[in-house]
Amino acid sequence: VCANCQGKGGLRPHVVWFGEIPLHMDEIGEALDRCGLFMS
């Protein structure tokens, strides 16, 4: 049960599943546009 809304059956791990949009994409894009070094 969710402690915030008291709903049942909707709690899931805070992970991105296949087919979902990754998190922080706007912030990542801005950082890539201004970076001097990109390491993978």
PDB file of all heavy atoms in Angstrom:
ATOM      1  N   VAL A   1       0.837  -1.198   0.000  1.00  0.00           N
ATOM      2  CA  VAL A   1       0.000   0.000   0.000  1.00  0.00           C
ATOM      3  C   VAL A   1       0.870   1.245   0.000  1.00  0.00           C
ATOM      4  O   VAL A   1       1.833   1.349   0.770  1.00  0.00           O
ATOM      5  CB  VAL A   1      -0.934   0.009   1.230  1.00  0.00           C
ATOM      6  CG1 VAL A   1      -1.730   1.300   1.293  1.00  0.00           C
ATOM      7  CG2 VAL A   1      -1.862  -1.201   1.194  1.00  0.00           C
ATOM      8  N   CYS A   2       0.535   2.193  -0.847  1.00  0.00           N
ATOM      9  CA  CYS A   2       1.271   3.457  -0.902  1.00  0.00           C
ATOM     10  C   CYS A   2       0.972   4.287   0.336  1.00  0.00           C
ATOM     11  O   CYS A   2      -0.196   4.529   0.668  1.00  0.00           O
ATOM     12  CB  CYS A   2       0.878   4.224  -2.165  1.00  0.00           C
ATOM     13  SG  CYS A   2       1.595   5.895  -2.262  1.00  0.00           S
ATOM     14  N   ALA A   3       2.007   4.758   1.004  1.00  0.00           N
ATOM     15  CA  ALA A   3       1.827   5.566   2.206  1.00  0.00           C
ATOM     16  C   ALA A   3       1.254   6.940   1.893  1.00  0.00           C
ATOM     17  O   ALA A   3       0.686   7.588   2.771  1.00  0.00           O
ATOM     18  CB  ALA A   3       3.166   5.715   2.925  1.00  0.00           C
ATOM     19  N   ASN A   4       1.358   7.377   0.636  1.00  0.00           N
ATOM     20  CA  ASN A   4       0.866   8.697   0.278  1.00  0.00           C
ATOM     21  C   ASN A   4      -0.614   8.685  -0.103  1.00  0.00           C
ATOM     22  O   ASN A   4      -1.408   9.460   0.444  1.00  0.00           O
ATOM     23  CB  ASN A   4       1.690   9.267  -0.879  1.00  0.00           C
ATOM     24  CG  ASN A   4       1.259  10.666  -1.267  1.00  0.00           C
ATOM     25  OD1 ASN A   4       1.318  11.597  -0.464  1.00  0.00           O
ATOM     26  ND2 ASN A   4       0.819  10.830  -2.510  1.00  0.00           N
ATOM     27  N   CYS A   5      -1.004   7.808  -1.027  1.00  0.00           N
ATOM     28  CA  CYS A   5      -2.392   7.828  -1.516  1.00  0.00           C
ATOM     29  C   CYS A   5      -3.226   6.654  -1.005  1.00  0.00           C
ATOM     30  O   CYS A   5      -4.426   6.588  -1.289  1.00  0.00           O
ATOM     31  CB  CYS A   5      -2.406   7.838  -3.039  1.00  0.00           C
ATOM     32  SG  CYS A   5      -1.891   6.288  -3.811  1.00  0.00           S
ATOM     33  N   GLN A   6      -2.568   5.741  -0.278  1.00  0.00           N
ATOM     34  CA  GLN A   6      -3.239   4.560   0.272  1.00  0.00           C
ATOM     35  C   GLN A   6      -3.708   3.580  -0.805  1.00  0.00           C
ATOM     36  O   GLN A   6      -4.470   2.664  -0.536  1.00  0.00           O
ATOM     37  CB  GLN A   6      -4.427   4.950   1.174  1.00  0.00           C
ATOM     38  CG  GLN A   6      -4.082   5.933   2.284  1.00  0.00           C
ATOM     39  CD  GLN A   6      -2.933   5.433   3.154  1.00  0.00           C
ATOM     40  OE1 GLN A   6      -2.955   4.305   3.615  1.00  0.00           O
ATOM     41  NE2 GLN A   6      -1.937   6.288   3.383  1.00  0.00           N
ATOM     42  N   GLY A   7      -3.243   3.798  -2.043  1.00  0.00           N
ATOM     43  CA  GLY A   7      -3.604   2.869  -3.107  1.00  0.00           C
ATOM     44  C   GLY A   7      -2.850   1.566  -2.983  1.00  0.00           C
ATOM     45  O   GLY A   7      -1.703   1.527  -2.533  1.00  0.00           O
ATOM     46  N   LYS A   8      -3.472   0.483  -3.419  1.00  0.00           N
ATOM     47  CA  LYS A   8      -2.850  -0.833  -3.345  1.00  0.00           C
ATOM     48  C   LYS A   8      -2.569  -1.339  -4.759  1.00  0.00           C
ATOM     49  O   LYS A   8      -3.343  -1.099  -5.683  1.00  0.00           O
ATOM     50  CB  LYS A   8      -3.769  -1.820  -2.619  1.00  0.00           C
ATOM     51  CG  LYS A   8      -3.143  -3.193  -2.394  1.00  0.00           C
ATOM     52  CD  LYS A   8      -3.974  -4.051  -1.442  1.00  0.00           C
ATOM     53  CE  LYS A   8      -5.254  -4.526  -2.104  1.00  0.00           C
ATOM     54  NZ  LYS A   8      -5.975  -5.518  -1.257  1.00  0.00           N
ATOM     55  N   GLY A   9      -1.452  -2.033  -4.903  1.00  0.00           N
ATOM     56  CA  GLY A   9      -1.133  -2.668  -6.170  1.00  0.00           C
ATOM     57  C   GLY A   9      -0.405  -1.796  -7.167  1.00  0.00           C
ATOM     58  O   GLY A   9      -0.140  -2.243  -8.290  1.00  0.00           O
ATOM     59  N   GLY A  10      -0.063  -0.570  -6.780  1.00  0.00           N
ATOM     60  CA  GLY A  10       0.591   0.335  -7.726  1.00  0.00           C
ATOM     61  C   GLY A  10       2.047   0.608  -7.417  1.00  0.00           C
ATOM     62  O   GLY A  10       2.707   1.347  -8.151  1.00  0.00           O
ATOM     63  N   LEU A  11       2.573   0.039  -6.341  1.00  0.00           N
ATOM     64  CA  LEU A  11       3.966   0.292  -6.000  1.00  0.00           C
ATOM     65  C   LEU A  11       4.888  -0.569  -6.864  1.00  0.00           C
ATOM     66  O   LEU A  11       4.662  -1.764  -7.038  1.00  0.00           O
ATOM     67  CB  LEU A  11       4.220   0.004  -4.526  1.00  0.00           C
ATOM     68  CG  LEU A  11       3.581   0.985  -3.537  1.00  0.00           C
ATOM     69  CD1 LEU A  11       3.929   0.581  -2.109  1.00  0.00           C
ATOM     70  CD2 LEU A  11       4.037   2.413  -3.800  1.00  0.00           C
ATOM     71  N   ARG A  12       5.924   0.054  -7.378  1.00  0.00           N
ATOM     72  CA  ARG A  12       6.884  -0.625  -8.245  1.00  0.00           C
ATOM     73  C   ARG A  12       8.276  -0.094  -7.931  1.00  0.00           C
ATOM     74  O   ARG A  12       8.422   0.998  -7.360  1.00  0.00           O
ATOM     75  CB  ARG A  12       6.557  -0.363  -9.715  1.00  0.00           C
ATOM     76  CG  ARG A  12       6.476   1.112 -10.056  1.00  0.00           C
ATOM     77  CD  ARG A  12       6.344   1.370 -11.542  1.00  0.00           C
ATOM     78  NE  ARG A  12       7.633   1.263 -12.222  1.00  0.00           N
ATOM     79  CZ  ARG A  12       7.804   1.512 -13.530  1.00  0.00           C
ATOM     80  NH1 ARG A  12       6.778   1.864 -14.271  1.00  0.00           N
ATOM     81  NH2 ARG A  12       8.991   1.403 -14.083  1.00  0.00           N
ATOM     82  N   PRO A  13       9.315  -0.794  -8.307  1.00  0.00           N
ATOM     83  CA  PRO A  13      10.660  -0.236  -8.126  1.00  0.00           C
ATOM     84  C   PRO A  13      10.826   1.018  -8.968  1.00  0.00           C
ATOM     85  O   PRO A  13      10.209   1.145 -10.043  1.00  0.00           O
ATOM     86  CB  PRO A  13      11.581  -1.362  -8.595  1.00  0.00           C
ATOM     87  CG  PRO A  13      10.731  -2.207  -9.488  1.00  0.00           C
ATOM     88  CD  PRO A  13       9.352  -2.127  -8.920  1.00  0.00           C
ATOM     89  N   HIS A  14      11.628   1.952  -8.503  1.00  0.00           N
ATOM     90  CA  HIS A  14      11.860   3.191  -9.251  1.00  0.00           C
ATOM     91  C   HIS A  14      12.937   2.929 -10.298  1.00  0.00           C
ATOM     92  O   HIS A  14      14.085   3.374 -10.189  1.00  0.00           O
ATOM     93  CB  HIS A  14      12.279   4.307  -8.299  1.00  0.00           C
ATOM     94  CG  HIS A  14      12.469   5.634  -8.975  1.00  0.00           C
ATOM     95  ND1 HIS A  14      11.543   6.186  -9.825  1.00  0.00           N
ATOM     96  CD2 HIS A  14      13.513   6.521  -8.937  1.00  0.00           C
ATOM     97  CE1 HIS A  14      11.977   7.349 -10.273  1.00  0.00           C
ATOM     98  NE2 HIS A  14      13.176   7.571  -9.760  1.00  0.00           N
ATOM     99  N   VAL A  15      12.555   2.155 -11.303  1.00  0.00           N
ATOM    100  CA  VAL A  15      13.453   1.819 -12.401  1.00  0.00           C
ATOM    101  C   VAL A  15      12.719   2.071 -13.717  1.00  0.00           C
ATOM    102  O   VAL A  15      11.490   2.106 -13.755  1.00  0.00           O
ATOM    103  CB  VAL A  15      13.923   0.352 -12.346  1.00  0.00           C
ATOM    104  CG1 VAL A  15      14.701   0.087 -11.063  1.00  0.00           C
ATOM    105  CG2 VAL A  15      12.750  -0.603 -12.475  1.00  0.00           C
ATOM    106  N   VAL A  16      13.500   2.257 -14.762  1.00  0.00           N
ATOM    107  CA  VAL A  16      12.939   2.456 -16.102  1.00  0.00           C
ATOM    108  C   VAL A  16      12.897   1.104 -16.799  1.00  0.00           C
ATOM    109  O   VAL A  16      13.930   0.467 -17.001  1.00  0.00           O
ATOM    110  CB  VAL A  16      13.784   3.456 -16.902  1.00  0.00           C
ATOM    111  CG1 VAL A  16      13.281   3.557 -18.341  1.00  0.00           C
ATOM    112  CG2 VAL A  16      13.759   4.827 -16.237  1.00  0.00           C
ATOM    113  N   TRP A  17      11.708   0.668 -17.160  1.00  0.00           N
ATOM    114  CA  TRP A  17      11.564  -0.586 -17.882  1.00  0.00           C
ATOM    115  C   TRP A  17      11.691  -0.357 -19.374  1.00  0.00           C
ATOM    116  O   TRP A  17      11.598   0.776 -19.865  1.00  0.00           O
ATOM    117  CB  TRP A  17      10.201  -1.213 -17.557  1.00  0.00           C
ATOM    118  CG  TRP A  17      10.134  -1.795 -16.177  1.00  0.00           C
ATOM    119  CD1 TRP A  17      11.141  -2.372 -15.474  1.00  0.00           C
ATOM    120  CD2 TRP A  17       8.977  -1.854 -15.323  1.00  0.00           C
ATOM    121  NE1 TRP A  17      10.698  -2.794 -14.243  1.00  0.00           N
ATOM    122  CE2 TRP A  17       9.378  -2.486 -14.132  1.00  0.00           C
ATOM    123  CE3 TRP A  17       7.649  -1.430 -15.457  1.00  0.00           C
ATOM    124  CZ2 TRP A  17       8.501  -2.722 -13.080  1.00  0.00           C
ATOM    125  CZ3 TRP A  17       6.773  -1.665 -14.407  1.00  0.00           C
ATOM    126  CH2 TRP A  17       7.185  -2.307 -13.234  1.00  0.00           C
ATOM    127  N   PHE A  18      11.928  -1.430 -20.112  1.00  0.00           N
ATOM    128  CA  PHE A  18      12.024  -1.331 -21.564  1.00  0.00           C
ATOM    129  C   PHE A  18      10.712  -0.758 -22.121  1.00  0.00           C
ATOM    130  O   PHE A  18       9.628  -1.157 -21.720  1.00  0.00           O
ATOM    131  CB  PHE A  18      12.311  -2.702 -22.170  1.00  0.00           C
ATOM    132  CG  PHE A  18      13.729  -3.150 -21.967  1.00  0.00           C
ATOM    133  CD1 PHE A  18      14.083  -3.872 -20.841  1.00  0.00           C
ATOM    134  CD2 PHE A  18      14.715  -2.818 -22.880  1.00  0.00           C
ATOM    135  CE1 PHE A  18      15.400  -4.271 -20.628  1.00  0.00           C
ATOM    136  CE2 PHE A  18      16.032  -3.206 -22.679  1.00  0.00           C
ATOM    137  CZ  PHE A  18      16.375  -3.934 -21.552  1.00  0.00           C
ATOM    138  N   GLY A  19      10.859   0.200 -23.016  1.00  0.00           N
ATOM    139  CA  GLY A  19       9.702   0.867 -23.588  1.00  0.00           C
ATOM    140  C   GLY A  19       9.340   2.158 -22.881  1.00  0.00           C
ATOM    141  O   GLY A  19       8.499   2.920 -23.373  1.00  0.00           O
ATOM    142  N   GLU A  20       9.974   2.436 -21.730  1.00  0.00           N
ATOM    143  CA  GLU A  20       9.728   3.677 -20.986  1.00  0.00           C
ATOM    144  C   GLU A  20      10.832   4.693 -21.272  1.00  0.00           C
ATOM    145  O   GLU A  20      11.951   4.327 -21.650  1.00  0.00           O
ATOM    146  CB  GLU A  20       9.624   3.387 -19.488  1.00  0.00           C
ATOM    147  CG  GLU A  20       8.461   2.479 -19.132  1.00  0.00           C
ATOM    148  CD  GLU A  20       8.361   2.199 -17.641  1.00  0.00           C
ATOM    149  OE1 GLU A  20       9.406   2.120 -16.968  1.00  0.00           O
ATOM    150  OE2 GLU A  20       7.229   2.042 -17.155  1.00  0.00           O
ATOM    151  N   ILE A  21      10.527   5.947 -21.063  1.00  0.00           N
ATOM    152  CA  ILE A  21      11.480   7.022 -21.340  1.00  0.00           C
ATOM    153  C   ILE A  21      12.450   7.156 -20.163  1.00  0.00           C
ATOM    154  O   ILE A  21      12.025   7.262 -19.011  1.00  0.00           O
ATOM    155  CB  ILE A  21      10.751   8.351 -21.568  1.00  0.00           C
ATOM    156  CG1 ILE A  21       9.825   8.241 -22.775  1.00  0.00           C
ATOM    157  CG2 ILE A  21      11.756   9.493 -21.771  1.00  0.00           C
ATOM    158  CD1 ILE A  21       8.932   9.448 -22.984  1.00  0.00           C
ATOM    159  N   PRO A  22      13.768   7.143 -20.435  1.00  0.00           N
ATOM    160  CA  PRO A  22      14.741   7.335 -19.357  1.00  0.00           C
ATOM    161  C   PRO A  22      14.544   8.668 -18.644  1.00  0.00           C
ATOM    162  O   PRO A  22      13.939   9.603 -19.185  1.00  0.00           O
ATOM    163  CB  PRO A  22      16.088   7.284 -20.086  1.00  0.00           C
ATOM    164  CG  PRO A  22      15.815   6.464 -21.306  1.00  0.00           C
ATOM    165  CD  PRO A  22      14.414   6.844 -21.721  1.00  0.00           C
ATOM    166  N   LEU A  23      15.075   8.753 -17.454  1.00  0.00           N
ATOM    167  CA  LEU A  23      14.940   9.936 -16.608  1.00  0.00           C
ATOM    168  C   LEU A  23      16.028  10.970 -16.922  1.00  0.00           C
ATOM    169  O   LEU A  23      17.085  10.642 -17.448  1.00  0.00           O
ATOM    170  CB  LEU A  23      15.017   9.529 -15.139  1.00  0.00           C
ATOM    171  CG  LEU A  23      14.093   8.390 -14.698  1.00  0.00           C
ATOM    172  CD1 LEU A  23      14.377   8.010 -13.256  1.00  0.00           C
ATOM    173  CD2 LEU A  23      12.636   8.790 -14.873  1.00  0.00           C
ATOM    174  N   HIS A  24      15.753  12.221 -16.573  1.00  0.00           N
ATOM    175  CA  HIS A  24      16.729  13.327 -16.612  1.00  0.00           C
ATOM    176  C   HIS A  24      17.210  13.657 -18.025  1.00  0.00           C
ATOM    177  O   HIS A  24      18.293  14.230 -18.189  1.00  0.00           O
ATOM    178  CB  HIS A  24      17.951  13.016 -15.736  1.00  0.00           C
ATOM    179  CG  HIS A  24      17.634  12.610 -14.336  1.00  0.00           C
ATOM    180  ND1 HIS A  24      17.055  13.458 -13.427  1.00  0.00           N
ATOM    181  CD2 HIS A  24      17.793  11.406 -13.703  1.00  0.00           C
ATOM    182  CE1 HIS A  24      16.885  12.812 -12.281  1.00  0.00           C
ATOM    183  NE2 HIS A  24      17.309  11.578 -12.427  1.00  0.00           N
ATOM    184  N   MET A  25      16.449  13.328 -19.069  1.00  0.00           N
ATOM    185  CA  MET A  25      16.961  13.491 -20.424  1.00  0.00           C
ATOM    186  C   MET A  25      17.236  14.949 -20.790  1.00  0.00           C
ATOM    187  O   MET A  25      18.217  15.238 -21.492  1.00  0.00           O
ATOM    188  CB  MET A  25      15.995  12.859 -21.422  1.00  0.00           C
ATOM    189  CG  MET A  25      15.958  11.331 -21.354  1.00  0.00           C
ATOM    190  SD  MET A  25      17.611  10.580 -21.519  1.00  0.00           S
ATOM    191  CE  MET A  25      18.079  11.140 -23.152  1.00  0.00           C
ATOM    192  N   ASP A  26      16.419  15.881 -20.336  1.00  0.00           N
ATOM    193  CA  ASP A  26      16.668  17.290 -20.647  1.00  0.00           C
ATOM    194  C   ASP A  26      17.976  17.758 -20.011  1.00  0.00           C
ATOM    195  O   ASP A  26      18.793  18.427 -20.660  1.00  0.00           O
ATOM    196  CB  ASP A  26      15.516  18.163 -20.164  1.00  0.00           C
ATOM    197  CG  ASP A  26      14.253  18.002 -21.010  1.00  0.00           C
ATOM    198  OD1 ASP A  26      14.357  17.451 -22.117  1.00  0.00           O
ATOM    199  OD2 ASP A  26      13.178  18.413 -20.549  1.00  0.00           O
ATOM    200  N   GLU A  27      18.177  17.393 -18.755  1.00  0.00           N
ATOM    201  CA  GLU A  27      19.391  17.794 -18.045  1.00  0.00           C
ATOM    202  C   GLU A  27      20.629  17.152 -18.675  1.00  0.00           C
ATOM    203  O   GLU A  27      21.681  17.791 -18.805  1.00  0.00           O
ATOM    204  CB  GLU A  27      19.271  17.392 -16.567  1.00  0.00           C
ATOM    205  CG  GLU A  27      20.336  17.968 -15.668  1.00  0.00           C
ATOM    206  CD  GLU A  27      20.075  17.690 -14.202  1.00  0.00           C
ATOM    207  OE1 GLU A  27      19.002  17.129 -13.875  1.00  0.00           O
ATOM    208  OE2 GLU A  27      20.949  18.018 -13.378  1.00  0.00           O
ATOM    209  N   ILE A  28      20.496  15.898 -19.073  1.00  0.00           N
ATOM    210  CA  ILE A  28      21.614  15.204 -19.714  1.00  0.00           C
ATOM    211  C   ILE A  28      21.951  15.862 -21.052  1.00  0.00           C
ATOM    212  O   ILE A  28      23.120  16.104 -21.370  1.00  0.00           O
ATOM    213  CB  ILE A  28      21.282  13.715 -19.924  1.00  0.00           C
ATOM    214  CG1 ILE A  28      21.172  13.002 -18.571  1.00  0.00           C
ATOM    215  CG2 ILE A  28      22.340  13.036 -20.792  1.00  0.00           C
ATOM    216  CD1 ILE A  28      20.571  11.607 -18.648  1.00  0.00           C
ATOM    217  N   GLY A  29      20.928  16.177 -21.829  1.00  0.00           N
ATOM    218  CA  GLY A  29      21.155  16.805 -23.125  1.00  0.00           C
ATOM    219  C   GLY A  29      21.867  18.137 -23.013  1.00  0.00           C
ATOM    220  O   GLY A  29      22.784  18.434 -23.792  1.00  0.00           O
ATOM    221  N   GLU A  30      21.479  18.931 -22.037  1.00  0.00           N
ATOM    222  CA  GLU A  30      22.123  20.223 -21.836  1.00  0.00           C
ATOM    223  C   GLU A  30      23.595  20.043 -21.442  1.00  0.00           C
ATOM    224  O   GLU A  30      24.464  20.793 -21.895  1.00  0.00           O
ATOM    225  CB  GLU A  30      21.378  21.004 -20.756  1.00  0.00           C
ATOM    226  CG  GLU A  30      19.981  21.462 -21.189  1.00  0.00           C
ATOM    227  CD  GLU A  30      19.185  22.051 -20.033  1.00  0.00           C
ATOM    228  OE1 GLU A  30      19.733  22.103 -18.919  1.00  0.00           O
ATOM    229  OE2 GLU A  30      18.021  22.436 -20.253  1.00  0.00           O
ATOM    230  N   ALA A  31      23.866  19.053 -20.596  1.00  0.00           N
ATOM    231  CA  ALA A  31      25.243  18.799 -20.170  1.00  0.00           C
ATOM    232  C   ALA A  31      26.104  18.328 -21.343  1.00  0.00           C
ATOM    233  O   ALA A  31      27.255  18.757 -21.497  1.00  0.00           O
ATOM    234  CB  ALA A  31      25.254  17.760 -19.053  1.00  0.00           C
ATOM    235  N   LEU A  32      25.562  17.474 -22.185  1.00  0.00           N
ATOM    236  CA  LEU A  32      26.316  16.994 -23.347  1.00  0.00           C
ATOM    237  C   LEU A  32      26.635  18.131 -24.309  1.00  0.00           C
ATOM    238  O   LEU A  32      27.720  18.168 -24.906  1.00  0.00           O
ATOM    239  CB  LEU A  32      25.514  15.905 -24.072  1.00  0.00           C
ATOM    240  CG  LEU A  32      25.333  14.579 -23.329  1.00  0.00           C
ATOM    241  CD1 LEU A  32      24.353  13.691 -24.082  1.00  0.00           C
ATOM    242  CD2 LEU A  32      26.662  13.860 -23.134  1.00  0.00           C
ATOM    243  N   ASP A  33      25.717  19.059 -24.459  1.00  0.00           N
ATOM    244  CA  ASP A  33      25.921  20.171 -25.388  1.00  0.00           C
ATOM    245  C   ASP A  33      27.030  21.110 -24.940  1.00  0.00           C
ATOM    246  O   ASP A  33      27.632  21.809 -25.777  1.00  0.00           O
ATOM    247  CB  ASP A  33      24.622  20.967 -25.560  1.00  0.00           C
ATOM    248  CG  ASP A  33      23.597  20.242 -26.419  1.00  0.00           C
ATOM    249  OD1 ASP A  33      23.995  19.322 -27.156  1.00  0.00           O
ATOM    250  OD2 ASP A  33      22.399  20.598 -26.342  1.00  0.00           O
ATOM    251  N   ARG A  34      27.321  21.148 -23.658  1.00  0.00           N
ATOM    252  CA  ARG A  34      28.327  22.093 -23.174  1.00  0.00           C
ATOM    253  C   ARG A  34      29.603  21.425 -22.675  1.00  0.00           C
ATOM    254  O   ARG A  34      30.532  22.110 -22.241  1.00  0.00           O
ATOM    255  CB  ARG A  34      27.736  22.955 -22.051  1.00  0.00           C
ATOM    256  CG  ARG A  34      27.458  22.228 -20.747  1.00  0.00           C
ATOM    257  CD  ARG A  34      27.007  23.206 -19.655  1.00  0.00           C
ATOM    258  NE  ARG A  34      26.897  22.583 -18.341  1.00  0.00           N
ATOM    259  CZ  ARG A  34      25.811  21.987 -17.880  1.00  0.00           C
ATOM    260  NH1 ARG A  34      24.709  21.936 -18.614  1.00  0.00           N
ATOM    261  NH2 ARG A  34      25.804  21.448 -16.667  1.00  0.00           N
ATOM    262  N   CYS A  35      29.689  20.106 -22.741  1.00  0.00           N
ATOM    263  CA  CYS A  35      30.838  19.446 -22.106  1.00  0.00           C
ATOM    264  C   CYS A  35      32.097  19.573 -22.962  1.00  0.00           C
ATOM    265  O   CYS A  35      32.044  19.602 -24.186  1.00  0.00           O
ATOM    266  CB  CYS A  35      30.534  17.980 -21.802  1.00  0.00           C
ATOM    267  SG  CYS A  35      30.542  16.868 -23.212  1.00  0.00           S
ATOM    268  N   GLY A  36      33.225  19.640 -22.281  1.00  0.00           N
ATOM    269  CA  GLY A  36      34.515  19.638 -22.953  1.00  0.00           C
ATOM    270  C   GLY A  36      35.087  18.255 -23.093  1.00  0.00           C
ATOM    271  O   GLY A  36      35.925  18.002 -23.952  1.00  0.00           O
ATOM    272  N   LEU A  37      34.659  17.349 -22.226  1.00  0.00           N
ATOM    273  CA  LEU A  37      35.115  15.963 -22.272  1.00  0.00           C
ATOM    274  C   LEU A  37      33.938  15.045 -21.987  1.00  0.00           C
ATOM    275  O   LEU A  37      33.218  15.230 -21.010  1.00  0.00           O
ATOM    276  CB  LEU A  37      36.215  15.716 -21.232  1.00  0.00           C
ATOM    277  CG  LEU A  37      36.680  14.255 -21.065  1.00  0.00           C
ATOM    278  CD1 LEU A  37      37.344  13.755 -22.351  1.00  0.00           C
ATOM    279  CD2 LEU A  37      37.634  14.133 -19.884  1.00  0.00           C
ATOM    280  N   PHE A  38      33.764  14.044 -22.850  1.00  0.00           N
ATOM    281  CA  PHE A  38      32.745  13.008 -22.650  1.00  0.00           C
ATOM    282  C   PHE A  38      33.454  11.668 -22.523  1.00  0.00           C
ATOM    283  O   PHE A  38      34.182  11.249 -23.416  1.00  0.00           O
ATOM    284  CB  PHE A  38      31.763  12.976 -23.816  1.00  0.00           C
ATOM    285  CG  PHE A  38      30.790  11.821 -23.752  1.00  0.00           C
ATOM    286  CD1 PHE A  38      29.808  11.776 -22.775  1.00  0.00           C
ATOM    287  CD2 PHE A  38      30.869  10.771 -24.661  1.00  0.00           C
ATOM    288  CE1 PHE A  38      28.921  10.713 -22.696  1.00  0.00           C
ATOM    289  CE2 PHE A  38      29.986   9.710 -24.606  1.00  0.00           C
ATOM    290  CZ  PHE A  38      29.011   9.676 -23.624  1.00  0.00           C
ATOM    291  N   MET A  39      33.233  11.015 -21.396  1.00  0.00           N
ATOM    292  CA  MET A  39      33.834   9.709 -21.135  1.00  0.00           C
ATOM    293  C   MET A  39      32.728   8.661 -21.054  1.00  0.00           C
ATOM    294  O   MET A  39      31.721   8.867 -20.369  1.00  0.00           O
ATOM    295  CB  MET A  39      34.607   9.731 -19.806  1.00  0.00           C
ATOM    296  CG  MET A  39      35.730  10.735 -19.745  1.00  0.00           C
ATOM    297  SD  MET A  39      36.297  11.041 -18.032  1.00  0.00           S
ATOM    298  CE  MET A  39      36.826   9.395 -17.551  1.00  0.00           C
ATOM    299  N   SER A  40      32.928   7.542 -21.733  1.00  0.00           N
ATOM    300  CA  SER A  40      31.984   6.428 -21.680  1.00  0.00           C
ATOM    301  C   SER A  40      32.693   5.242 -21.062  1.00  0.00           C
ATOM    302  O   SER A  40      33.734   4.795 -21.562  1.00  0.00           O
ATOM    303  CB  SER A  40      31.498   6.088 -23.086  1.00  0.00           C
ATOM    304  OG  SER A  40      30.614   4.974 -23.063  1.00  0.00           O
TER     305      SER A  40
END
